[in-house]
N, C-alpha and C. Protein backbone atom coordinates (compact mmCIF):
# COMPACT_ATOMS: atom_id res chain seq x y z
N GLU A 1 -48.05 58.70 45.19
CA GLU A 1 -47.05 57.91 46.20
C GLU A 1 -46.80 56.46 45.13
N GLN A 2 -47.62 56.16 44.26
CA GLN A 2 -48.40 55.30 43.49
C GLN A 2 -47.00 55.57 42.28
N VAL A 3 -46.43 57.04 41.56
CA VAL A 3 -45.67 57.35 41.04
C VAL A 3 -44.45 57.17 41.48
N ALA A 4 -44.13 57.39 42.97
CA ALA A 4 -42.81 57.17 43.23
C ALA A 4 -42.19 56.20 43.34
N ALA A 5 -43.30 54.81 43.61
CA ALA A 5 -43.92 53.10 43.70
C ALA A 5 -43.21 52.76 42.23
N ILE A 6 -43.81 53.19 41.30
CA ILE A 6 -43.58 52.73 39.82
C ILE A 6 -42.02 53.26 39.74
N LYS A 7 -41.71 54.81 40.15
CA LYS A 7 -40.58 55.30 39.58
C LYS A 7 -39.62 54.46 40.34
N GLU A 8 -39.94 53.64 41.53
CA GLU A 8 -38.34 53.15 42.56
C GLU A 8 -38.83 51.37 41.58
N LYS A 9 -39.52 51.28 41.24
CA LYS A 9 -39.36 49.74 40.67
C LYS A 9 -38.62 49.95 39.60
N PHE A 10 -39.28 50.91 38.51
CA PHE A 10 -38.14 51.01 37.55
C PHE A 10 -36.97 51.04 37.33
N GLU A 11 -36.32 51.90 38.43
CA GLU A 11 -34.75 52.25 39.03
C GLU A 11 -34.23 50.92 39.54
N LEU A 12 -35.21 50.07 40.25
CA LEU A 12 -34.59 48.75 40.60
C LEU A 12 -34.79 47.53 39.43
N ASP A 13 -35.27 47.89 38.60
CA ASP A 13 -35.23 47.05 37.51
C ASP A 13 -34.42 47.46 36.19
N THR A 14 -33.96 48.94 36.50
CA THR A 14 -33.10 49.36 35.31
C THR A 14 -31.57 48.68 36.20
N ALA A 15 -31.55 49.19 37.32
CA ALA A 15 -30.32 48.26 37.94
C ALA A 15 -29.98 47.29 37.87
N SER A 16 -31.38 45.89 37.79
CA SER A 16 -31.14 45.29 37.98
C SER A 16 -30.76 44.60 36.16
N LEU A 17 -31.07 45.08 35.61
CA LEU A 17 -30.76 44.89 34.18
C LEU A 17 -29.36 45.72 33.56
N GLU A 18 -29.01 46.12 34.60
CA GLU A 18 -27.74 47.11 34.17
C GLU A 18 -26.82 45.93 34.77
N ILE A 19 -26.71 45.33 35.95
CA ILE A 19 -26.36 44.43 36.58
C ILE A 19 -26.15 43.03 35.84
N GLU A 20 -27.10 42.66 35.29
CA GLU A 20 -27.33 41.40 34.09
C GLU A 20 -26.72 41.80 33.02
N ASN A 21 -26.75 43.04 32.37
CA ASN A 21 -25.80 43.67 31.12
C ASN A 21 -24.60 43.52 32.12
N ASP A 22 -24.19 44.20 32.78
CA ASP A 22 -22.30 44.02 33.18
C ASP A 22 -22.04 42.06 33.34
N GLU A 23 -22.67 41.37 33.54
CA GLU A 23 -22.69 39.55 33.90
C GLU A 23 -22.64 38.97 32.59
N LEU A 24 -23.54 39.64 31.65
CA LEU A 24 -23.66 39.62 30.23
C LEU A 24 -22.36 39.29 29.78
N HIS A 25 -22.09 41.27 29.84
CA HIS A 25 -20.32 41.10 29.30
C HIS A 25 -19.43 40.39 29.49
N ALA A 26 -19.55 40.45 30.60
CA ALA A 26 -18.23 39.58 31.25
C ALA A 26 -18.25 37.80 31.05
N THR A 27 -19.38 37.74 30.59
CA THR A 27 -19.92 36.31 30.35
C THR A 27 -18.52 36.41 28.90
N VAL A 28 -19.46 37.26 28.10
CA VAL A 28 -19.49 37.49 26.62
C VAL A 28 -17.72 37.40 26.45
N ALA A 29 -17.04 38.11 27.28
CA ALA A 29 -15.56 37.95 27.30
C ALA A 29 -15.02 37.15 27.98
N ASP A 30 -15.20 36.37 28.26
CA ASP A 30 -15.28 35.25 29.24
C ASP A 30 -14.71 34.34 27.79
N TYR A 31 -15.95 33.98 27.10
CA TYR A 31 -16.42 33.20 26.11
C TYR A 31 -15.28 33.83 25.03
N LEU A 32 -14.96 34.81 24.99
CA LEU A 32 -14.17 35.16 23.42
C LEU A 32 -12.57 35.20 23.91
N SER A 33 -12.34 35.54 25.28
CA SER A 33 -11.01 34.64 25.74
C SER A 33 -10.64 33.23 25.75
N GLN A 34 -11.62 32.82 25.71
CA GLN A 34 -12.00 31.45 25.94
C GLN A 34 -11.62 31.14 24.53
N LEU A 35 -12.71 31.41 23.31
CA LEU A 35 -12.13 31.25 22.11
C LEU A 35 -10.81 31.20 21.44
N LYS A 36 -10.52 32.51 21.77
CA LYS A 36 -8.87 32.88 21.52
C LYS A 36 -8.16 32.02 21.60
N LYS A 37 -8.21 31.52 23.08
CA LYS A 37 -7.00 30.46 23.56
C LYS A 37 -7.55 29.15 22.44
N LEU A 38 -8.86 29.02 22.19
CA LEU A 38 -9.14 27.13 21.34
C LEU A 38 -8.80 27.53 19.87
N ASP A 39 -8.73 28.76 19.63
CA ASP A 39 -8.31 29.20 17.85
C ASP A 39 -6.91 29.41 18.34
N SER A 40 -6.39 29.72 18.88
CA SER A 40 -4.72 29.49 19.30
C SER A 40 -4.70 27.85 19.19
N GLU A 41 -4.80 27.20 20.02
CA GLU A 41 -4.40 25.93 19.94
C GLU A 41 -4.91 24.99 18.65
N ASN A 42 -5.88 25.35 17.91
CA ASN A 42 -6.16 24.54 16.77
C ASN A 42 -5.28 24.96 16.19
N ASN A 43 -4.65 26.48 16.21
CA ASN A 43 -3.66 26.05 14.65
C ASN A 43 -2.41 26.00 15.20
N GLN A 44 -1.78 25.68 16.25
CA GLN A 44 -1.17 24.50 16.77
C GLN A 44 -0.94 23.86 16.28
N LEU A 45 -2.29 22.67 16.26
CA LEU A 45 -2.29 21.99 16.38
C LEU A 45 -2.45 21.58 14.62
N LEU A 46 -2.95 22.56 13.95
CA LEU A 46 -3.14 22.85 12.24
C LEU A 46 -1.44 22.20 11.96
N ALA A 47 -0.86 23.69 12.37
CA ALA A 47 0.79 23.51 11.63
C ALA A 47 1.13 22.17 12.80
N GLU A 48 0.94 21.50 13.96
CA GLU A 48 1.33 20.10 13.74
C GLU A 48 1.52 19.06 13.22
N SER A 49 0.32 19.11 12.43
CA SER A 49 -0.52 18.10 11.54
C SER A 49 0.37 18.00 10.32
N ALA A 50 0.63 19.74 10.03
CA ALA A 50 1.44 18.98 8.24
C ALA A 50 2.41 19.00 8.58
N ALA A 51 3.21 19.22 9.51
CA ALA A 51 4.60 19.08 9.71
C ALA A 51 4.63 16.94 10.34
N LYS A 52 3.33 17.03 10.60
CA LYS A 52 3.53 15.26 10.25
C LYS A 52 3.04 14.55 8.90
N ASP A 53 2.56 15.27 8.09
CA ASP A 53 2.08 15.18 7.15
C ASP A 53 3.44 15.05 6.21
N ASP A 54 4.14 16.28 6.53
CA ASP A 54 4.97 16.52 5.55
C ASP A 54 6.36 15.24 5.97
N ARG A 55 6.50 14.85 7.57
CA ARG A 55 7.30 13.54 7.45
C ARG A 55 6.92 12.37 6.99
N ILE A 56 5.88 12.23 6.88
CA ILE A 56 5.28 10.94 6.42
C ILE A 56 5.31 11.04 5.11
N GLU A 57 5.29 11.97 4.17
CA GLU A 57 6.01 12.32 2.82
C GLU A 57 7.16 12.03 2.46
N SER A 58 7.90 12.47 3.39
CA SER A 58 9.02 12.11 3.34
C SER A 58 9.62 10.65 3.74
N MET A 59 8.95 10.31 4.44
CA MET A 59 9.12 8.74 4.86
C MET A 59 8.97 7.76 4.10
N ARG A 60 7.85 8.29 3.08
CA ARG A 60 7.29 7.33 1.79
C ARG A 60 8.59 7.46 0.56
N GLY A 61 9.25 8.60 0.64
CA GLY A 61 9.80 8.95 -0.33
C GLY A 61 11.33 7.75 0.23
N ALA A 62 11.49 7.57 1.53
CA ALA A 62 12.27 6.88 1.84
C ALA A 62 12.20 5.32 1.48
N VAL A 63 10.61 5.12 1.99
CA VAL A 63 10.43 3.98 1.85
C VAL A 63 10.99 3.36 0.09
N ASP A 64 10.30 4.62 -0.77
CA ASP A 64 10.37 4.40 -2.44
C ASP A 64 11.36 4.03 -2.93
N ALA A 65 12.69 4.81 -2.66
CA ALA A 65 13.74 5.01 -2.54
C ALA A 65 14.12 3.34 -1.87
N ALA A 66 14.08 3.17 -0.46
CA ALA A 66 14.34 1.82 0.15
C ALA A 66 13.89 0.57 -1.04
N ALA A 67 13.28 0.75 -1.52
CA ALA A 67 11.89 -0.11 -1.95
C ALA A 67 13.04 -0.20 -3.87
N LYS A 68 13.56 0.79 -4.25
CA LYS A 68 14.23 0.71 -5.83
C LYS A 68 15.13 -0.06 -5.31
N ALA A 69 16.07 0.26 -4.56
CA ALA A 69 17.21 0.20 -4.40
C ALA A 69 17.51 -1.79 -3.99
N GLN A 70 16.18 -2.23 -3.40
CA GLN A 70 16.23 -3.46 -2.76
C GLN A 70 15.80 -4.21 -4.20
N ALA A 71 15.36 -3.73 -4.98
CA ALA A 71 15.21 -4.39 -6.77
C ALA A 71 16.12 -4.27 -7.34
N ASP A 72 17.25 -3.01 -7.11
CA ASP A 72 18.26 -3.00 -8.09
C ASP A 72 19.17 -3.82 -7.26
N LEU A 73 19.36 -4.31 -6.38
CA LEU A 73 20.29 -5.53 -5.46
C LEU A 73 19.69 -6.58 -5.73
N ASN A 74 18.27 -7.07 -5.95
CA ASN A 74 17.64 -8.15 -6.35
C ASN A 74 18.14 -8.47 -7.67
N VAL A 75 18.06 -7.48 -8.72
CA VAL A 75 18.87 -8.20 -10.12
C VAL A 75 20.38 -8.10 -10.17
N SER A 76 20.91 -7.32 -9.17
CA SER A 76 21.65 -7.69 -9.26
C SER A 76 23.02 -8.72 -8.84
N LEU A 77 21.97 -9.25 -7.82
CA LEU A 77 22.34 -10.93 -7.30
C LEU A 77 21.50 -12.01 -8.17
N LEU A 78 21.06 -11.64 -8.95
CA LEU A 78 20.60 -12.34 -10.01
C LEU A 78 21.64 -12.40 -11.00
N ALA A 79 21.90 -11.71 -11.32
CA ALA A 79 22.76 -10.78 -12.24
C ALA A 79 24.37 -11.86 -11.61
N GLN A 80 24.65 -11.91 -10.78
CA GLN A 80 25.90 -12.45 -9.88
C GLN A 80 25.36 -13.88 -9.87
N ARG A 81 24.45 -14.24 -9.67
CA ARG A 81 23.90 -16.12 -9.77
C ARG A 81 24.28 -16.69 -11.12
N ASP A 82 24.18 -15.37 -12.44
CA ASP A 82 23.95 -15.97 -13.71
C ASP A 82 25.10 -16.32 -13.91
N LEU A 83 26.83 -15.42 -13.38
CA LEU A 83 27.69 -15.24 -13.66
C LEU A 83 28.37 -16.30 -13.47
N MET A 84 28.00 -16.32 -11.65
CA MET A 84 28.47 -17.57 -11.12
C MET A 84 28.92 -19.29 -11.83
N ALA A 85 26.93 -19.52 -12.52
CA ALA A 85 26.78 -20.26 -13.28
C ALA A 85 27.89 -20.75 -14.10
N GLU A 86 28.03 -19.39 -15.12
CA GLU A 86 28.49 -19.58 -16.28
C GLU A 86 30.41 -19.97 -15.88
N VAL A 87 30.88 -19.05 -14.70
CA VAL A 87 31.79 -19.12 -14.18
C VAL A 87 31.96 -20.90 -13.65
N ALA A 88 31.29 -21.46 -12.99
CA ALA A 88 31.26 -22.88 -12.75
C ALA A 88 30.96 -24.05 -14.60
N ALA A 89 30.67 -23.09 -15.20
CA ALA A 89 30.69 -24.41 -16.32
C ALA A 89 31.62 -23.96 -17.08
N LEU A 90 33.14 -22.92 -17.65
CA LEU A 90 33.82 -22.48 -17.61
C LEU A 90 34.99 -23.43 -17.00
N LYS A 91 34.71 -23.36 -15.71
CA LYS A 91 35.66 -24.44 -14.91
C LYS A 91 35.79 -25.28 -15.70
N ASP A 92 34.20 -26.33 -15.34
CA ASP A 92 34.11 -27.26 -16.08
C ASP A 92 34.69 -27.79 -17.05
N ARG A 93 34.07 -27.10 -18.58
CA ARG A 93 34.69 -27.05 -19.35
C ARG A 93 36.71 -26.99 -19.62
N LEU A 94 37.00 -26.09 -18.37
CA LEU A 94 38.51 -26.13 -18.56
C LEU A 94 38.94 -27.65 -18.11
N ALA A 95 38.76 -27.75 -17.24
CA ALA A 95 38.46 -29.33 -16.52
C ALA A 95 38.18 -30.37 -17.62
N ALA A 96 37.28 -30.49 -18.63
CA ALA A 96 37.73 -31.43 -19.67
C ALA A 96 39.11 -31.21 -20.63
N SER A 97 39.14 -29.62 -20.53
CA SER A 97 40.41 -29.39 -21.34
C SER A 97 41.40 -30.25 -20.70
N GLU A 98 41.72 -29.83 -20.11
CA GLU A 98 43.18 -30.03 -19.22
C GLU A 98 42.78 -31.94 -19.33
N GLN A 99 41.90 -32.30 -19.07
CA GLN A 99 41.74 -33.63 -19.52
C GLN A 99 41.96 -34.66 -20.39
N ARG A 100 41.53 -33.81 -21.60
CA ARG A 100 41.57 -34.14 -23.26
C ARG A 100 43.16 -33.58 -23.69
N ALA A 101 43.85 -32.93 -23.06
CA ALA A 101 45.11 -32.42 -22.86
C ALA A 101 46.47 -33.48 -22.42
N ALA A 102 45.83 -33.76 -21.45
CA ALA A 102 46.70 -34.98 -20.33
C ALA A 102 46.79 -36.33 -21.32
N VAL A 103 45.24 -36.83 -21.97
CA VAL A 103 45.23 -37.70 -22.76
C VAL A 103 45.74 -37.67 -23.55
N ALA A 104 45.68 -36.67 -24.20
CA ALA A 104 47.03 -36.41 -25.81
C ALA A 104 48.23 -36.15 -25.34
N GLU A 105 48.97 -35.40 -24.35
CA GLU A 105 50.12 -35.54 -23.94
C GLU A 105 50.54 -37.15 -23.66
N ALA A 106 49.84 -38.17 -23.18
CA ALA A 106 50.52 -39.62 -22.85
C ALA A 106 50.09 -39.87 -24.66
N LYS A 107 49.28 -39.97 -25.23
CA LYS A 107 49.28 -40.69 -26.37
C LYS A 107 50.35 -40.20 -27.29
N VAL A 108 51.27 -38.69 -27.54
CA VAL A 108 51.90 -38.65 -27.66
C VAL A 108 53.32 -39.50 -27.28
N GLU A 109 53.50 -39.39 -25.79
CA GLU A 109 54.34 -39.88 -25.05
C GLU A 109 54.53 -41.50 -25.59
N VAL A 110 53.30 -42.09 -25.21
CA VAL A 110 53.33 -43.30 -26.20
C VAL A 110 53.92 -43.41 -27.71
N MET A 111 53.28 -42.58 -28.12
CA MET A 111 53.89 -42.91 -30.28
C MET A 111 55.19 -42.64 -30.35
N THR A 112 55.25 -41.59 -29.39
CA THR A 112 57.38 -41.40 -29.47
C THR A 112 57.68 -42.40 -28.99
N GLN A 113 57.55 -43.01 -27.90
CA GLN A 113 58.13 -44.63 -27.53
C GLN A 113 57.95 -45.23 -28.67
N THR A 114 57.11 -45.39 -29.08
CA THR A 114 56.61 -46.18 -30.03
C THR A 114 57.49 -46.20 -31.15
N ARG A 115 57.74 -45.22 -31.57
CA ARG A 115 58.86 -44.62 -32.54
C ARG A 115 60.28 -44.90 -32.28
N GLY A 116 60.39 -44.89 -31.45
CA GLY A 116 61.52 -44.98 -30.74
C GLY A 116 61.90 -46.19 -30.78
N GLU A 117 61.39 -47.26 -30.20
CA GLU A 117 61.97 -48.89 -30.72
C GLU A 117 61.92 -49.40 -32.17
């Protein structure tokens, strides 16, 4: 009778352990499934991050190119300003030469009139 009770308790304990073992296996399977899902999401996020890094690098290149273009434009504008100053100086010299020529022409005319008299 005592052996039968021990045997019955052993069978109950064994059944209980088997149920607990089955539950643990199910939990582990759920965790593995969640882990695979999280790993997939992590890989997707890493890919998106790499794509963003590439885009940022591309944008840095565009910004560098724009900065160089701006610097080149600034140099061109300074050169244009210098050329315009030279043109203005040449116009002033031309006006002065034209004025001197007009004065000389007037002197020649006066001298011609004086000789003619």
